[in-house]
Amino acid sequence: MSGAEKIVEQVIETLNKNKGVDIVKIDLRRIENCFCSFFVICHGTSNTHVASLSDYVHDEVNEYTGEKPLHVEGEQQAQWVVLDYGNVVVHIFQKEQRDYYQLEDFWVDAEITRIEEN
């Protein structure tokens, strides 16, 4: 298992455990000239929930893989938080923003996996 796959696995486990809604893994490795290998997308139920999910992912990925995000964007407003791990980019939305931007629709050629809630 590659480092990116370990990060994705930990992100999904953390989001699922902390009630991230509608978790999706997008495998971009077969997309030519793509800037990363995976997207993980979910949404929360409030600003507080989005911020908490972001904190949990940051802490647990660091604890279990030793990786920290290269960049984090959107923590202040907690409408759409992006954690960039290089080959893995995590998007945690509020539902309204997720519905508006529809990131999953941009990657129709990628392998998209919907994660079942625990």
Protein backbone atom coordinates (compact mmCIF):
# COMPACT_ATOMS: atom_id res chain seq x y z
CA MET A 1 0.00 0.00 0.00
CA SER A 2 1.40 3.39 -1.01
CA GLY A 3 1.70 6.35 1.32
CA ALA A 4 -1.20 8.07 -0.43
CA GLU A 5 -3.39 4.98 0.00
CA LYS A 6 -2.57 4.88 3.73
CA ILE A 7 -3.56 8.52 4.09
CA VAL A 8 -6.82 7.92 2.19
CA GLU A 9 -7.63 4.90 4.35
CA GLN A 10 -7.03 6.90 7.55
CA VAL A 11 -9.01 9.91 6.28
CA ILE A 12 -12.00 7.73 5.42
CA GLU A 13 -11.86 5.89 8.74
CA THR A 14 -11.67 9.19 10.64
CA LEU A 15 -14.51 10.84 8.70
CA ASN A 16 -16.69 7.76 9.06
CA LYS A 17 -16.02 7.48 12.80
CA ASN A 18 -16.88 11.17 13.30
CA LYS A 19 -20.08 11.10 11.24
CA GLY A 20 -18.89 12.73 8.01
CA VAL A 21 -21.85 12.58 5.60
CA ASP A 22 -21.78 10.97 2.13
CA ILE A 23 -18.06 10.16 2.01
CA VAL A 24 -16.67 9.68 -1.49
CA LYS A 25 -13.21 8.54 -2.59
CA ILE A 26 -12.14 9.58 -6.08
CA ASP A 27 -9.15 7.69 -7.51
CA LEU A 28 -7.48 10.05 -9.99
CA ARG A 29 -4.39 7.95 -10.74
CA ARG A 30 -5.61 7.04 -14.25
CA ILE A 31 -6.41 10.64 -15.17
CA GLU A 32 -3.63 12.01 -17.35
CA ASN A 33 -1.79 15.09 -16.01
CA CYS A 34 -3.81 15.17 -12.78
CA PHE A 35 -2.18 17.09 -9.93
CA CYS A 36 -2.95 14.47 -7.25
CA SER A 37 -3.83 10.79 -6.86
CA PHE A 38 -6.96 10.94 -4.68
CA PHE A 39 -9.75 13.23 -3.58
CA VAL A 40 -11.80 12.41 -0.49
CA ILE A 41 -15.01 14.39 -0.24
CA CYS A 42 -17.69 14.58 2.45
CA HIS A 43 -19.89 17.11 4.16
CA GLY A 44 -20.81 18.01 7.70
CA THR A 45 -24.04 19.16 9.26
CA SER A 46 -22.90 22.57 10.56
CA ASN A 47 -19.89 24.90 10.67
CA THR A 48 -18.89 23.33 13.97
CA HIS A 49 -19.14 19.82 12.52
CA VAL A 50 -17.09 20.76 9.43
CA ALA A 51 -14.40 22.36 11.60
CA SER A 52 -14.35 19.33 13.91
CA LEU A 53 -14.05 16.88 10.99
CA SER A 54 -11.10 18.90 9.69
CA ASP A 55 -9.42 18.85 13.10
CA TYR A 56 -10.00 15.10 13.51
CA VAL A 57 -8.55 14.34 10.06
CA HIS A 58 -5.53 16.56 10.70
CA ASP A 59 -4.82 14.96 14.09
CA GLU A 60 -5.50 11.32 13.24
CA VAL A 61 -3.68 11.29 9.90
CA ASN A 62 -0.68 12.79 11.68
CA GLU A 63 -0.92 10.29 14.54
CA TYR A 64 -1.31 7.15 12.40
CA THR A 65 0.75 8.03 9.29
CA GLY A 66 3.06 10.80 10.49
CA GLU A 67 1.82 13.07 7.67
CA LYS A 68 0.71 16.67 8.03
CA PRO A 69 -1.14 18.64 5.36
CA LEU A 70 1.03 20.81 3.13
CA HIS A 71 -1.73 23.41 3.15
CA VAL A 72 -5.12 23.91 4.80
CA GLU A 73 -7.69 26.35 3.45
CA GLY A 74 -11.12 27.45 4.69
CA GLU A 75 -10.87 26.68 8.40
CA GLN A 76 -12.08 30.13 9.48
CA GLN A 77 -15.45 30.00 7.74
CA ALA A 78 -15.81 26.18 7.87
CA GLN A 79 -17.98 26.21 4.75
CA TRP A 80 -15.46 24.29 2.61
CA VAL A 81 -12.23 23.12 4.22
CA VAL A 82 -9.46 21.71 2.03
CA LEU A 83 -6.60 19.68 3.51
CA ASP A 84 -3.85 19.18 0.93
CA TYR A 85 -1.53 16.24 1.57
CA GLY A 86 0.12 16.45 -1.85
CA ASN A 87 -1.16 13.28 -3.52
CA VAL A 88 -4.34 13.31 -1.42
CA VAL A 89 -6.70 16.28 -1.21
CA VAL A 90 -9.52 16.18 1.35
CA HIS A 91 -12.61 18.36 0.85
CA ILE A 92 -14.99 18.80 3.79
CA PHE A 93 -18.04 20.86 2.87
CA GLN A 94 -21.24 22.20 4.28
CA LYS A 95 -24.02 20.50 2.28
CA GLU A 96 -25.05 23.69 0.46
CA GLN A 97 -21.53 24.32 -0.84
CA ARG A 98 -21.08 20.69 -1.82
CA ASP A 99 -24.34 20.73 -3.78
CA TYR A 100 -23.34 23.98 -5.47
CA TYR A 101 -19.79 23.01 -6.53
CA GLN A 102 -20.51 19.32 -7.28
CA LEU A 103 -16.83 18.29 -7.38
CA GLU A 104 -17.72 14.65 -8.02
CA ASP A 105 -19.18 15.64 -11.40
CA PHE A 106 -15.83 17.05 -12.62
CA TRP A 107 -14.16 13.64 -12.41
CA VAL A 108 -16.55 11.35 -14.30
CA ASP A 109 -13.58 9.49 -15.88
CA ALA A 110 -12.15 8.64 -12.45
CA GLU A 111 -12.99 5.68 -10.26
CA ILE A 112 -15.51 6.97 -7.71
CA THR A 113 -16.25 4.95 -4.58
CA ARG A 114 -19.07 5.88 -2.19
CA ILE A 115 -18.21 4.83 1.35
CA GLU A 116 -20.92 3.16 3.39
CA GLU A 117 -21.58 4.74 6.77
CA ASN A 118 -20.77 2.67 9.86
